[in-house]
């Protein structure tokens, strides 16, 4: 598993910490961040599917695998 580093505003981190620990939904911050990323990517996939972009991007990803391109824009997430 890869390890990354991100900068998070204190207010957002405090909100995240409310969901971590014995009384929280997540064992640790890493689990909380992974779950949040998965949920966000699922939502973006749903948006792309509604706009008919999901199949096109899957084909593009196969052609450009490994180049780090993400495709699509987040602007439609409103």
N, C-alpha and C. Protein backbone atom coordinates (compact mmCIF):
# COMPACT_ATOMS: atom_id res chain seq x y z
N UNK A 1 0.85 -1.17 0.00
CA UNK A 1 0.00 0.00 0.00
C UNK A 1 0.89 1.23 0.00
N UNK A 2 0.57 2.19 -0.83
CA UNK A 2 1.35 3.43 -0.91
C UNK A 2 1.02 4.34 0.26
N UNK A 3 1.97 5.19 0.58
CA UNK A 3 1.79 6.17 1.65
C UNK A 3 1.90 7.56 1.03
N UNK A 4 0.97 8.47 1.40
CA UNK A 4 1.00 9.83 0.88
C UNK A 4 0.95 10.80 2.06
N UNK A 5 1.21 12.05 1.76
CA UNK A 5 1.14 13.10 2.77
C UNK A 5 0.24 14.20 2.22
N UNK A 6 -0.66 14.69 3.06
CA UNK A 6 -1.56 15.77 2.64
C UNK A 6 -1.64 16.83 3.73
N UNK A 7 -1.92 18.05 3.33
CA UNK A 7 -2.16 19.13 4.28
C UNK A 7 -3.67 19.29 4.43
N UNK A 8 -4.14 19.30 5.68
CA UNK A 8 -5.57 19.39 5.97
C UNK A 8 -5.79 20.53 6.95
N UNK A 9 -6.74 21.41 6.67
CA UNK A 9 -7.03 22.49 7.62
C UNK A 9 -7.42 21.92 8.99
N UNK A 10 -7.03 22.61 10.05
CA UNK A 10 -7.28 22.16 11.41
C UNK A 10 -8.76 21.86 11.67
N UNK A 11 -9.63 22.70 11.16
CA UNK A 11 -11.07 22.51 11.37
C UNK A 11 -11.56 21.20 10.74
N UNK A 12 -11.08 20.90 9.55
CA UNK A 12 -11.45 19.65 8.88
C UNK A 12 -10.89 18.45 9.62
N UNK A 13 -9.67 18.56 10.10
CA UNK A 13 -9.05 17.47 10.84
C UNK A 13 -9.79 17.22 12.16
N UNK A 14 -10.21 18.28 12.83
CA UNK A 14 -10.98 18.13 14.07
C UNK A 14 -12.30 17.42 13.79
N UNK A 15 -12.95 17.77 12.68
CA UNK A 15 -14.19 17.10 12.30
C UNK A 15 -13.95 15.63 12.02
N UNK A 16 -12.87 15.32 11.31
CA UNK A 16 -12.51 13.94 11.02
C UNK A 16 -12.27 13.16 12.32
N UNK A 17 -11.55 13.79 13.25
CA UNK A 17 -11.21 13.12 14.51
C UNK A 17 -12.45 12.77 15.35
N UNK A 18 -13.54 13.50 15.14
CA UNK A 18 -14.78 13.17 15.86
C UNK A 18 -15.32 11.80 15.46
N UNK A 19 -14.89 11.30 14.31
CA UNK A 19 -15.37 10.02 13.80
C UNK A 19 -14.35 8.89 13.96
N UNK A 20 -13.25 9.19 14.65
CA UNK A 20 -12.16 8.22 14.82
C UNK A 20 -11.99 7.86 16.29
N UNK A 21 -11.71 6.59 16.55
CA UNK A 21 -11.43 6.16 17.91
C UNK A 21 -12.45 5.16 18.41
N UNK A 22 -12.39 4.85 19.69
CA UNK A 22 -13.26 3.83 20.28
C UNK A 22 -14.74 4.12 20.06
N UNK A 23 -15.13 5.38 20.20
CA UNK A 23 -16.54 5.74 20.03
C UNK A 23 -16.88 6.16 18.60
N UNK A 24 -15.89 6.16 17.73
CA UNK A 24 -16.10 6.62 16.35
C UNK A 24 -16.38 5.49 15.39
N UNK A 25 -16.58 5.86 14.15
CA UNK A 25 -16.88 4.91 13.09
C UNK A 25 -15.60 4.25 12.54
N UNK A 26 -14.45 4.88 12.77
CA UNK A 26 -13.20 4.42 12.19
C UNK A 26 -12.17 4.16 13.27
N UNK A 27 -11.30 3.17 13.04
CA UNK A 27 -10.26 2.80 13.99
C UNK A 27 -9.18 3.88 14.06
N UNK A 28 -8.84 4.46 12.90
CA UNK A 28 -7.79 5.47 12.85
C UNK A 28 -8.05 6.44 11.70
N UNK A 29 -7.24 7.49 11.64
CA UNK A 29 -7.41 8.51 10.59
C UNK A 29 -7.24 7.91 9.20
N UNK A 30 -6.29 7.00 9.04
CA UNK A 30 -6.05 6.41 7.72
C UNK A 30 -7.31 5.71 7.20
N UNK A 31 -7.97 4.94 8.07
CA UNK A 31 -9.22 4.27 7.66
C UNK A 31 -10.28 5.29 7.26
N UNK A 32 -10.37 6.37 8.03
CA UNK A 32 -11.36 7.41 7.73
C UNK A 32 -11.08 8.08 6.39
N UNK A 33 -9.81 8.39 6.14
CA UNK A 33 -9.44 9.04 4.87
C UNK A 33 -9.67 8.10 3.70
N UNK A 34 -9.29 6.82 3.84
CA UNK A 34 -9.52 5.85 2.75
C UNK A 34 -11.01 5.73 2.44
N UNK A 35 -11.84 5.64 3.47
CA UNK A 35 -13.29 5.52 3.26
C UNK A 35 -13.84 6.76 2.57
N UNK A 36 -13.35 7.93 2.97
CA UNK A 36 -13.80 9.18 2.35
C UNK A 36 -13.41 9.26 0.88
N UNK A 37 -12.20 8.83 0.58
CA UNK A 37 -11.75 8.83 -0.82
C UNK A 37 -12.59 7.86 -1.64
N UNK A 38 -12.83 6.66 -1.11
CA UNK A 38 -13.67 5.69 -1.83
C UNK A 38 -15.05 6.25 -2.12
N UNK A 39 -15.66 6.87 -1.10
CA UNK A 39 -17.01 7.43 -1.25
C UNK A 39 -17.01 8.54 -2.30
N UNK A 40 -16.02 9.40 -2.24
CA UNK A 40 -15.94 10.49 -3.22
C UNK A 40 -15.76 9.95 -4.63
N UNK A 41 -14.90 8.96 -4.81
CA UNK A 41 -14.70 8.37 -6.14
C UNK A 41 -15.96 7.68 -6.64
N UNK A 42 -16.69 7.01 -5.74
CA UNK A 42 -17.97 6.40 -6.13
C UNK A 42 -18.96 7.45 -6.60
N UNK A 43 -19.03 8.58 -5.88
CA UNK A 43 -19.94 9.66 -6.28
C UNK A 43 -19.54 10.24 -7.63
N UNK A 44 -18.24 10.42 -7.84
CA UNK A 44 -17.77 10.95 -9.12
C UNK A 44 -18.07 9.97 -10.26
N UNK A 45 -17.93 8.67 -10.00
CA UNK A 45 -18.29 7.66 -11.01
C UNK A 45 -19.77 7.74 -11.35
N UNK A 46 -20.62 7.95 -10.34
CA UNK A 46 -22.06 8.07 -10.59
C UNK A 46 -22.36 9.29 -11.46
N UNK A 47 -21.69 10.40 -11.17
CA UNK A 47 -21.87 11.62 -11.97
C UNK A 47 -21.41 11.37 -13.40
N UNK A 48 -20.24 10.76 -13.56
CA UNK A 48 -19.73 10.46 -14.91
C UNK A 48 -20.68 9.53 -15.65
N UNK A 49 -21.24 8.55 -14.96
CA UNK A 49 -22.17 7.62 -15.59
C UNK A 49 -23.42 8.36 -16.08
N UNK A 50 -23.93 9.26 -15.25
CA UNK A 50 -25.12 10.05 -15.65
C UNK A 50 -24.84 10.89 -16.89
N UNK A 51 -23.59 11.34 -17.03
CA UNK A 51 -23.22 12.18 -18.17
C UNK A 51 -22.67 11.36 -19.34
N UNK A 52 -22.71 10.04 -19.21
CA UNK A 52 -22.26 9.18 -20.29
C UNK A 52 -20.76 9.17 -20.48
N UNK A 53 -20.01 9.52 -19.44
CA UNK A 53 -18.56 9.60 -19.58
C UNK A 53 -17.83 8.38 -19.04
N UNK A 54 -18.49 7.56 -18.24
CA UNK A 54 -17.80 6.47 -17.55
C UNK A 54 -17.19 5.46 -18.51
N UNK A 55 -17.93 5.00 -19.51
CA UNK A 55 -17.40 4.02 -20.45
C UNK A 55 -16.26 4.60 -21.27
N UNK A 56 -16.40 5.87 -21.70
CA UNK A 56 -15.34 6.51 -22.48
C UNK A 56 -14.06 6.62 -21.68
N UNK A 57 -14.17 7.00 -20.40
CA UNK A 57 -12.99 7.15 -19.57
C UNK A 57 -12.33 5.81 -19.29
N UNK A 58 -13.12 4.74 -19.15
CA UNK A 58 -12.55 3.41 -18.92
C UNK A 58 -11.70 3.00 -20.12
N UNK A 59 -12.17 3.29 -21.32
CA UNK A 59 -11.41 2.98 -22.52
C UNK A 59 -10.15 3.83 -22.59
N UNK A 60 -10.28 5.13 -22.24
CA UNK A 60 -9.12 6.02 -22.24
C UNK A 60 -8.09 5.58 -21.21
N UNK A 61 -8.55 5.13 -20.05
CA UNK A 61 -7.63 4.70 -18.99
C UNK A 61 -6.80 3.51 -19.45
N UNK A 62 -7.39 2.62 -20.20
CA UNK A 62 -6.65 1.48 -20.71
C UNK A 62 -5.57 1.90 -21.69
N UNK A 63 -5.87 2.93 -22.47
CA UNK A 63 -4.91 3.40 -23.46
C UNK A 63 -3.78 4.20 -22.82
N UNK A 64 -4.07 4.84 -21.65
CA UNK A 64 -3.05 5.69 -21.05
C UNK A 64 -2.68 5.21 -19.65
N UNK A 65 -2.78 3.93 -19.40
CA UNK A 65 -2.48 3.38 -18.06
C UNK A 65 -1.08 3.75 -17.65
N UNK A 66 -0.98 4.19 -16.38
CA UNK A 66 0.32 4.50 -15.83
C UNK A 66 0.78 5.92 -16.03
N UNK A 67 0.00 6.75 -16.74
CA UNK A 67 0.46 8.11 -16.95
C UNK A 67 -0.04 9.07 -15.88
N UNK A 68 -0.86 8.59 -14.93
CA UNK A 68 -1.32 9.42 -13.85
C UNK A 68 -2.48 10.31 -14.20
N UNK A 69 -2.99 10.24 -15.43
CA UNK A 69 -4.12 11.07 -15.82
C UNK A 69 -5.37 10.60 -15.10
N UNK A 70 -6.20 11.58 -14.68
CA UNK A 70 -7.40 11.22 -13.95
C UNK A 70 -8.66 11.32 -14.80
N UNK A 71 -8.61 12.13 -15.83
CA UNK A 71 -9.78 12.31 -16.69
C UNK A 71 -10.92 12.97 -15.96
N UNK A 72 -11.92 13.45 -16.70
CA UNK A 72 -13.11 14.04 -16.10
C UNK A 72 -12.78 15.26 -15.26
N UNK A 73 -13.85 16.03 -14.93
CA UNK A 73 -13.63 17.16 -14.06
C UNK A 73 -14.56 17.06 -12.87
N UNK A 74 -14.23 17.73 -11.82
CA UNK A 74 -15.00 17.66 -10.59
C UNK A 74 -16.09 18.71 -10.60
N UNK A 75 -16.11 19.59 -11.55
CA UNK A 75 -17.07 20.68 -11.60
C UNK A 75 -18.51 20.23 -11.62
N UNK A 76 -18.79 19.02 -12.05
CA UNK A 76 -20.15 18.53 -12.12
C UNK A 76 -20.65 17.98 -10.79
N UNK A 77 -19.85 18.02 -9.75
CA UNK A 77 -20.21 17.40 -8.46
C UNK A 77 -21.17 18.25 -7.65
N UNK A 78 -21.75 19.29 -8.22
CA UNK A 78 -22.68 20.16 -7.48
C UNK A 78 -24.00 19.50 -7.27
